[in-house]
Amino acid sequence: MKDLDAHANIKNKNFHFFYLGGITIKKRYRSLKDHVYDYIAAEIQNGTLLPKQKINEIALSEKLEVSRTPVREALIQLASENLLEFFPRRGFIVKEIDTKKKLDVFSVVGVLDAFAATLALENLTEDDMELMEELVRKIDLSISQKNYSDYQKYQNQFHKVYIEKCCNPTLIELLDSLQNSFVRQIYLSKDEEKLFTALEQMNEQHRQIIDYFKNKDKENLEHLIKNEHWKITHIDMI
């Protein structure tokens, strides 16, 4: 079986993709269906699967080298969460999420992510700080190389460092649930300069987050994540 956690490269050349602060929390036990679910979600996140695009169950099963049963189970779950739509004789189609829904979800995630950060403030180690700094450098490289799939991956890992140190399983599950119910966390733009500027600004905020963790500046840490990092400043790009 192929690596279901691998993120496919962006195939749509008409747009450039900017991934917002996605959060992926690893659970203790993951069934085959869960891994297929994660793979499909990642395909939507990185722009390989676009809104209104039909999902080919047979091709997906062959690509992942699994039977059609876990693929069908994953698709049914995604449809139950309103990420896909099922049409008789047509199959599963990627659902388009309206702008208000996106803004609503981002505002909630901002509050919960900020709360997780404040809870993790006293729990982060020097190794955690070094890991986040390394991820920021990798994000910089991804931006310069226009590798937006890697950008998404490293951004996810950055947030995951402190979320897993919040010591609140319920909060982690809530953030996980929100991420899984809103997988299209991207900016779309044909304007490379505008996109590059947005990416740079987001990663600069990552550096500020690390500084606030190091200085144990709870007030500014919470404000930055809740009111700035998750704020949509380019509505025309979502």
C-alpha atoms as a PDB file:
ATOM      1  CA  MET A   1       0.000   0.000   0.000  1.00  0.00           C
ATOM      2  CA  LYS A   2       1.336   3.413  -0.900  1.00  0.00           C
ATOM      3  CA  ASP A   3       1.952   6.118   1.651  1.00  0.00           C
ATOM      4  CA  LEU A   4      -1.500   7.596   2.230  1.00  0.00           C
ATOM      5  CA  ASP A   5      -0.062  10.530   4.158  1.00  0.00           C
ATOM      6  CA  ALA A   6       1.925  11.820   1.193  1.00  0.00           C
ATOM      7  CA  HIS A   7       0.651  15.079  -0.251  1.00  0.00           C
ATOM      8  CA  ALA A   8       0.299  15.184  -4.026  1.00  0.00           C
ATOM      9  CA  ASN A   9       1.812  18.061  -5.965  1.00  0.00           C
ATOM     10  CA  ILE A  10      -0.462  20.826  -7.216  1.00  0.00           C
ATOM     11  CA  LYS A  11      -1.658  19.979 -10.713  1.00  0.00           C
ATOM     12  CA  ASN A  12      -3.836  22.987 -11.510  1.00  0.00           C
ATOM     13  CA  LYS A  13      -1.563  25.482 -13.242  1.00  0.00           C
ATOM     14  CA  ASN A  14      -4.198  28.205 -13.600  1.00  0.00           C
ATOM     15  CA  PHE A  15      -3.915  29.275  -9.986  1.00  0.00           C
ATOM     16  CA  HIS A  16      -1.300  29.671  -7.299  1.00  0.00           C
ATOM     17  CA  PHE A  17      -2.217  28.261  -3.894  1.00  0.00           C
ATOM     18  CA  PHE A  18      -1.651  29.718  -0.428  1.00  0.00           C
ATOM     19  CA  TYR A  19      -2.518  27.470   2.494  1.00  0.00           C
ATOM     20  CA  LEU A  20      -3.827  29.049   5.658  1.00  0.00           C
ATOM     21  CA  GLY A  21      -3.182  27.685   9.123  1.00  0.00           C
ATOM     22  CA  GLY A  22      -4.459  24.158   8.781  1.00  0.00           C
ATOM     23  CA  ILE A  23      -4.339  21.865  11.793  1.00  0.00           C
ATOM     24  CA  THR A  24      -3.876  18.116  11.586  1.00  0.00           C
ATOM     25  CA  ILE A  25      -3.881  16.167  14.851  1.00  0.00           C
ATOM     26  CA  LYS A  26      -2.674  12.585  14.808  1.00  0.00           C
ATOM     27  CA  LYS A  27      -5.010  10.230  16.669  1.00  0.00           C
ATOM     28  CA  ARG A  28      -3.847   7.180  18.586  1.00  0.00           C
ATOM     29  CA  TYR A  29      -5.565   4.676  16.293  1.00  0.00           C
ATOM     30  CA  ARG A  30      -6.246   5.236  12.603  1.00  0.00           C
ATOM     31  CA  SER A  31      -8.154   2.700  10.543  1.00  0.00           C
ATOM     32  CA  LEU A  32      -7.517   2.224   6.834  1.00  0.00           C
ATOM     33  CA  LYS A  33     -10.659   4.242   6.153  1.00  0.00           C
ATOM     34  CA  ASP A  34      -9.286   7.080   8.295  1.00  0.00           C
ATOM     35  CA  HIS A  35      -6.045   7.160   6.314  1.00  0.00           C
ATOM     36  CA  VAL A  36      -7.964   7.257   3.035  1.00  0.00           C
ATOM     37  CA  TYR A  37     -10.081  10.057   4.498  1.00  0.00           C
ATOM     38  CA  ASP A  38      -6.945  12.029   5.383  1.00  0.00           C
ATOM     39  CA  TYR A  39      -5.510  11.469   1.915  1.00  0.00           C
ATOM     40  CA  ILE A  40      -8.633  12.776   0.169  1.00  0.00           C
ATOM     41  CA  ALA A  41      -8.767  15.750   2.537  1.00  0.00           C
ATOM     42  CA  ALA A  42      -5.138  16.551   1.693  1.00  0.00           C
ATOM     43  CA  GLU A  43      -5.920  16.327  -2.027  1.00  0.00           C
ATOM     44  CA  ILE A  44      -8.595  18.974  -1.525  1.00  0.00           C
ATOM     45  CA  GLN A  45      -6.301  21.076   0.664  1.00  0.00           C
ATOM     46  CA  ASN A  46      -3.471  21.219  -1.832  1.00  0.00           C
ATOM     47  CA  GLY A  47      -5.730  21.944  -4.791  1.00  0.00           C
ATOM     48  CA  THR A  48      -5.410  18.603  -6.573  1.00  0.00           C
ATOM     49  CA  LEU A  49      -9.154  18.089  -6.065  1.00  0.00           C
ATOM     50  CA  LEU A  50     -11.105  21.259  -6.787  1.00  0.00           C
ATOM     51  CA  PRO A  51     -14.722  22.292  -6.070  1.00  0.00           C
ATOM     52  CA  LYS A  52     -17.274  20.585  -8.362  1.00  0.00           C
ATOM     53  CA  GLN A  53     -14.722  17.963  -9.422  1.00  0.00           C
ATOM     54  CA  LYS A  54     -15.862  14.330  -9.572  1.00  0.00           C
ATOM     55  CA  ILE A  55     -13.917  11.770  -7.540  1.00  0.00           C
ATOM     56  CA  ASN A  56     -13.035   8.581  -9.396  1.00  0.00           C
ATOM     57  CA  GLU A  57     -13.413   5.805  -6.822  1.00  0.00           C
ATOM     58  CA  ILE A  58     -11.764   3.126  -8.952  1.00  0.00           C
ATOM     59  CA  ALA A  59      -8.761   5.286  -9.814  1.00  0.00           C
ATOM     60  CA  LEU A  60      -8.371   6.324  -6.175  1.00  0.00           C
ATOM     61  CA  SER A  61      -8.520   2.711  -5.007  1.00  0.00           C
ATOM     62  CA  GLU A  62      -5.873   1.692  -7.546  1.00  0.00           C
ATOM     63  CA  LYS A  63      -3.634   4.647  -6.737  1.00  0.00           C
ATOM     64  CA  LEU A  64      -3.671   3.904  -3.007  1.00  0.00           C
ATOM     65  CA  GLU A  65      -3.552   0.130  -3.579  1.00  0.00           C
ATOM     66  CA  VAL A  66      -6.496  -0.550  -1.288  1.00  0.00           C
ATOM     67  CA  SER A  67      -9.875  -2.145  -1.855  1.00  0.00           C
ATOM     68  CA  ARG A  68     -12.868   0.009  -2.739  1.00  0.00           C
ATOM     69  CA  THR A  69     -14.456  -0.579   0.684  1.00  0.00           C
ATOM     70  CA  PRO A  70     -12.309   1.871   2.736  1.00  0.00           C
ATOM     71  CA  VAL A  71     -12.442   4.335  -0.168  1.00  0.00           C
ATOM     72  CA  ARG A  72     -16.240   4.209  -0.255  1.00  0.00           C
ATOM     73  CA  GLU A  73     -16.415   4.488   3.563  1.00  0.00           C
ATOM     74  CA  ALA A  74     -14.168   7.564   3.524  1.00  0.00           C
ATOM     75  CA  LEU A  75     -16.223   9.191   0.770  1.00  0.00           C
ATOM     76  CA  ILE A  76     -19.460   8.542   2.647  1.00  0.00           C
ATOM     77  CA  GLN A  77     -17.994  10.122   5.787  1.00  0.00           C
ATOM     78  CA  LEU A  78     -16.824  13.175   3.833  1.00  0.00           C
ATOM     79  CA  ALA A  79     -20.292  13.489   2.316  1.00  0.00           C
ATOM     80  CA  SER A  80     -21.915  13.248   5.758  1.00  0.00           C
ATOM     81  CA  GLU A  81     -19.719  16.167   6.830  1.00  0.00           C
ATOM     82  CA  ASN A  82     -20.838  18.214   3.798  1.00  0.00           C
ATOM     83  CA  LEU A  83     -17.417  18.178   2.171  1.00  0.00           C
ATOM     84  CA  LEU A  84     -18.636  16.071  -0.735  1.00  0.00           C
ATOM     85  CA  GLU A  85     -21.970  15.704  -2.479  1.00  0.00           C
ATOM     86  CA  PHE A  86     -23.334  12.406  -3.767  1.00  0.00           C
ATOM     87  CA  PHE A  87     -25.347  12.265  -6.964  1.00  0.00           C
ATOM     88  CA  PRO A  88     -26.974   9.023  -8.169  1.00  0.00           C
ATOM     89  CA  ARG A  89     -25.286   7.667 -11.311  1.00  0.00           C
ATOM     90  CA  ARG A  90     -22.648  10.411 -11.043  1.00  0.00           C
ATOM     91  CA  GLY A  91     -20.895   9.629  -7.787  1.00  0.00           C
ATOM     92  CA  PHE A  92     -19.144  11.942  -5.325  1.00  0.00           C
ATOM     93  CA  ILE A  93     -18.410  15.572  -6.181  1.00  0.00           C
ATOM     94  CA  VAL A  94     -16.214  17.983  -4.192  1.00  0.00           C
ATOM     95  CA  LYS A  95     -18.517  20.520  -2.584  1.00  0.00           C
ATOM     96  CA  GLU A  96     -17.892  24.240  -2.809  1.00  0.00           C
ATOM     97  CA  ILE A  97     -18.000  26.058   0.543  1.00  0.00           C
ATOM     98  CA  ASP A  98     -19.379  29.590   0.576  1.00  0.00           C
ATOM     99  CA  THR A  99     -17.366  32.558   1.807  1.00  0.00           C
ATOM    100  CA  LYS A 100     -19.438  33.152   4.955  1.00  0.00           C
ATOM    101  CA  LYS A 101     -18.906  29.557   6.058  1.00  0.00           C
ATOM    102  CA  LYS A 102     -15.158  29.968   5.618  1.00  0.00           C
ATOM    103  CA  LEU A 103     -15.078  33.207   7.602  1.00  0.00           C
ATOM    104  CA  ASP A 104     -17.205  31.683  10.377  1.00  0.00           C
ATOM    105  CA  VAL A 105     -14.913  28.678  10.723  1.00  0.00           C
ATOM    106  CA  PHE A 106     -11.724  30.744  10.688  1.00  0.00           C
ATOM    107  CA  SER A 107     -13.049  32.954  13.488  1.00  0.00           C
ATOM    108  CA  VAL A 108     -13.823  29.923  15.672  1.00  0.00           C
ATOM    109  CA  VAL A 109     -10.495  28.220  14.923  1.00  0.00           C
ATOM    110  CA  GLY A 110      -8.689  31.450  15.807  1.00  0.00           C
ATOM    111  CA  VAL A 111     -10.221  31.484  19.275  1.00  0.00           C
ATOM    112  CA  LEU A 112      -9.522  27.801  19.945  1.00  0.00           C
ATOM    113  CA  ASP A 113      -6.000  27.887  18.505  1.00  0.00           C
ATOM    114  CA  ALA A 114      -5.163  30.904  20.658  1.00  0.00           C
ATOM    115  CA  PHE A 115      -6.551  29.119  23.719  1.00  0.00           C
ATOM    116  CA  ALA A 116      -4.412  26.060  22.958  1.00  0.00           C
ATOM    117  CA  ALA A 117      -1.334  28.280  22.644  1.00  0.00           C
ATOM    118  CA  THR A 118      -1.905  29.932  26.017  1.00  0.00           C
ATOM    119  CA  LEU A 119      -2.385  26.533  27.672  1.00  0.00           C
ATOM    120  CA  ALA A 120       0.853  25.303  26.102  1.00  0.00           C
ATOM    121  CA  LEU A 121       2.821  28.378  27.177  1.00  0.00           C
ATOM    122  CA  GLU A 122       4.407  26.739  30.239  1.00  0.00           C
ATOM    123  CA  ASN A 123       4.788  23.324  28.621  1.00  0.00           C
ATOM    124  CA  LEU A 124       6.966  24.039  25.600  1.00  0.00           C
ATOM    125  CA  THR A 125      10.609  22.959  25.792  1.00  0.00           C
ATOM    126  CA  GLU A 126      13.707  24.303  24.065  1.00  0.00           C
ATOM    127  CA  ASP A 127      13.423  21.418  21.632  1.00  0.00           C
ATOM    128  CA  ASP A 128       9.892  22.542  20.785  1.00  0.00           C
ATOM    129  CA  MET A 129      11.113  26.079  20.120  1.00  0.00           C
ATOM    130  CA  GLU A 130      13.938  24.819  17.924  1.00  0.00           C
ATOM    131  CA  LEU A 131      11.509  22.642  15.987  1.00  0.00           C
ATOM    132  CA  MET A 132       9.190  25.585  15.333  1.00  0.00           C
ATOM    133  CA  GLU A 133      12.147  27.716  14.223  1.00  0.00           C
ATOM    134  CA  GLU A 134      13.253  24.981  11.835  1.00  0.00           C
ATOM    135  CA  LEU A 135       9.724  24.758  10.427  1.00  0.00           C
ATOM    136  CA  VAL A 136       9.693  28.521   9.855  1.00  0.00           C
ATOM    137  CA  ARG A 137      12.907  28.173   7.846  1.00  0.00           C
ATOM    138  CA  LYS A 138      11.372  25.356   5.831  1.00  0.00           C
ATOM    139  CA  ILE A 139       8.306  27.505   5.177  1.00  0.00           C
ATOM    140  CA  ASP A 140      10.586  30.289   3.926  1.00  0.00           C
ATOM    141  CA  LEU A 141      12.210  27.848   1.520  1.00  0.00           C
ATOM    142  CA  SER A 142       8.819  26.572   0.358  1.00  0.00           C
ATOM    143  CA  ILE A 143       7.722  30.138  -0.371  1.00  0.00           C
ATOM    144  CA  SER A 144      10.865  30.923  -2.356  1.00  0.00           C
ATOM    145  CA  GLN A 145      10.468  27.719  -4.363  1.00  0.00           C
ATOM    146  CA  LYS A 146       6.701  28.228  -4.796  1.00  0.00           C
ATOM    147  CA  ASN A 147       6.186  24.781  -3.323  1.00  0.00           C
ATOM    148  CA  TYR A 148       2.780  25.334  -1.763  1.00  0.00           C
ATOM    149  CA  SER A 149       2.205  21.683  -0.932  1.00  0.00           C
ATOM    150  CA  ASP A 150       5.264  21.755   1.349  1.00  0.00           C
ATOM    151  CA  TYR A 151       4.130  25.126   2.690  1.00  0.00           C
ATOM    152  CA  GLN A 152       0.905  23.537   3.846  1.00  0.00           C
ATOM    153  CA  LYS A 153       2.695  20.563   5.386  1.00  0.00           C
ATOM    154  CA  TYR A 154       5.155  22.652   7.395  1.00  0.00           C
ATOM    155  CA  GLN A 155       2.492  25.128   8.478  1.00  0.00           C
ATOM    156  CA  ASN A 156       0.405  22.234   9.799  1.00  0.00           C
ATOM    157  CA  GLN A 157       3.406  20.906  11.697  1.00  0.00           C
ATOM    158  CA  PHE A 158       4.162  24.333  13.163  1.00  0.00           C
ATOM    159  CA  HIS A 159       0.738  24.687  14.773  1.00  0.00           C
ATOM    160  CA  LYS A 160       0.735  21.045  15.810  1.00  0.00           C
ATOM    161  CA  VAL A 161       3.819  21.553  18.020  1.00  0.00           C
ATOM    162  CA  TYR A 162       2.050  23.726  20.583  1.00  0.00           C
ATOM    163  CA  ILE A 163      -1.447  22.315  20.136  1.00  0.00           C
ATOM    164  CA  GLU A 164      -0.199  18.912  21.266  1.00  0.00           C
ATOM    165  CA  LYS A 165       1.345  20.553  24.348  1.00  0.00           C
ATOM    166  CA  CYS A 166      -1.905  22.196  25.509  1.00  0.00           C
ATOM    167  CA  CYS A 167      -2.727  19.103  27.637  1.00  0.00           C
ATOM    168  CA  ASN A 168      -6.429  19.409  26.852  1.00  0.00           C
ATOM    169  CA  PRO A 169      -7.646  16.409  24.818  1.00  0.00           C
ATOM    170  CA  THR A 170     -11.097  17.926  24.357  1.00  0.00           C
ATOM    171  CA  LEU A 171      -9.631  21.088  22.854  1.00  0.00           C
ATOM    172  CA  ILE A 172      -7.381  19.053  20.561  1.00  0.00           C
ATOM    173  CA  GLU A 173     -10.392  17.040  19.392  1.00  0.00           C
ATOM    174  CA  LEU A 174     -12.387  20.219  18.744  1.00  0.00           C
ATOM    175  CA  LEU A 175      -9.596  21.688  16.634  1.00  0.00           C
ATOM    176  CA  ASP A 176      -9.220  18.379  14.839  1.00  0.00           C
ATOM    177  CA  SER A 177     -12.946  18.270  14.134  1.00  0.00           C
ATOM    178  CA  LEU A 178     -12.968  21.804  12.751  1.00  0.00           C
ATOM    179  CA  GLN A 179     -10.041  21.070  10.502  1.00  0.00           C
ATOM    180  CA  ASN A 180     -11.686  17.947   9.169  1.00  0.00           C
ATOM    181  CA  SER A 181     -14.968  19.744   8.537  1.00  0.00           C
ATOM    182  CA  PHE A 182     -13.237  22.536   6.648  1.00  0.00           C
ATOM    183  CA  VAL A 183     -10.443  21.166   4.553  1.00  0.00           C
ATOM    184  CA  ARG A 184     -10.293  23.841   1.856  1.00  0.00           C
ATOM    185  CA  GLN A 185      -8.066  26.258   3.781  1.00  0.00           C
ATOM    186  CA  ILE A 186      -6.483  28.051   0.859  1.00  0.00           C
ATOM    187  CA  TYR A 187      -6.034  31.346  -0.857  1.00  0.00           C
ATOM    188  CA  LEU A 188      -6.336  31.259  -4.645  1.00  0.00           C
ATOM    189  CA  SER A 189      -4.742  33.939  -6.781  1.00  0.00           C
ATOM    190  CA  LYS A 190      -3.245  34.545 -10.200  1.00  0.00           C
ATOM    191  CA  ASP A 191      -1.349  37.505  -8.744  1.00  0.00           C
ATOM    192  CA  GLU A 192       2.011  36.027  -7.713  1.00  0.00           C
ATOM    193  CA  GLU A 193       3.265  39.217  -6.096  1.00  0.00           C
ATOM    194  CA  LYS A 194       0.174  39.551  -3.929  1.00  0.00           C
ATOM    195  CA  LEU A 195       0.341  35.883  -3.018  1.00  0.00           C
ATOM    196  CA  PHE A 196       4.041  36.071  -2.112  1.00  0.00           C
ATOM    197  CA  THR A 197       3.404  39.087   0.140  1.00  0.00           C
ATOM    198  CA  ALA A 198       0.581  37.273   1.945  1.00  0.00           C
ATOM    199  CA  LEU A 199       2.764  34.217   2.495  1.00  0.00           C
ATOM    200  CA  GLU A 200       5.622  36.294   3.854  1.00  0.00           C
ATOM    201  CA  GLN A 201       3.296  38.096   6.259  1.00  0.00           C
ATOM    202  CA  MET A 202       1.903  34.820   7.574  1.00  0.00           C
ATOM    203  CA  ASN A 203       5.347  33.360   8.185  1.00  0.00           C
ATOM    204  CA  GLU A 204       6.490  36.550   9.898  1.00  0.00           C
ATOM    205  CA  GLN A 205       3.614  35.993  12.312  1.00  0.00           C
ATOM    206  CA  HIS A 206       4.994  32.514  12.962  1.00  0.00           C
ATOM    207  CA  ARG A 207       8.251  34.147  14.055  1.00  0.00           C
ATOM    208  CA  GLN A 208       6.328  36.493  16.350  1.00  0.00           C
ATOM    209  CA  ILE A 209       4.466  33.540  17.849  1.00  0.00           C
ATOM    210  CA  ILE A 210       7.789  31.886  18.707  1.00  0.00           C
ATOM    211  CA  ASP A 211       9.063  35.107  20.306  1.00  0.00           C
ATOM    212  CA  TYR A 212       5.952  35.370  22.470  1.00  0.00           C
ATOM    213  CA  PHE A 213       6.362  31.749  23.549  1.00  0.00           C
ATOM    214  CA  LYS A 214       9.995  32.380  24.491  1.00  0.00           C
ATOM    215  CA  ASN A 215       9.097  35.505  26.473  1.00  0.00           C
ATOM    216  CA  LYS A 216       5.998  33.843  27.959  1.00  0.00           C
ATOM    217  CA  ASP A 217       3.986  36.825  26.733  1.00  0.00           C
ATOM    218  CA  LYS A 218       0.523  35.337  27.092  1.00  0.00           C
ATOM    219  CA  GLU A 219      -1.423  38.503  26.285  1.00  0.00           C
ATOM    220  CA  ASN A 220       0.299  39.269  22.979  1.00  0.00           C
ATOM    221  CA  LEU A 221       0.423  35.594  22.024  1.00  0.00           C
ATOM    222  CA  GLU A 222      -3.326  35.234  22.420  1.00  0.00           C
ATOM    223  CA  HIS A 223      -4.042  38.499  20.605  1.00  0.00           C
ATOM    224  CA  LEU A 224      -1.822  37.666  17.633  1.00  0.00           C
ATOM    225  CA  ILE A 225      -3.248  34.210  17.012  1.00  0.00           C
ATOM    226  CA  LYS A 226      -6.885  35.067  17.663  1.00  0.00           C
ATOM    227  CA  ASN A 227      -7.128  38.511  16.069  1.00  0.00           C
ATOM    228  CA  GLU A 228      -4.438  38.544  13.380  1.00  0.00           C
ATOM    229  CA  HIS A 229      -3.105  35.141  12.368  1.00  0.00           C
ATOM    230  CA  TRP A 230      -6.524  33.671  11.570  1.00  0.00           C
ATOM    231  CA  LYS A 231      -8.056  36.863  10.240  1.00  0.00           C
ATOM    232  CA  ILE A 232      -8.904  36.725   6.545  1.00  0.00           C
ATOM    233  CA  THR A 233      -7.315  39.814   4.994  1.00  0.00           C
ATOM    234  CA  HIS A 234      -7.785  38.781   1.362  1.00  0.00           C
ATOM    235  CA  ILE A 235     -11.445  37.839   0.996  1.00  0.00           C
ATOM    236  CA  ASP A 236     -11.098  38.007  -2.785  1.00  0.00           C
ATOM    237  CA  MET A 237      -8.580  35.154  -2.600  1.00  0.00           C
ATOM    238  CA  ILE A 238     -10.647  32.628  -0.654  1.00  0.00           C
END
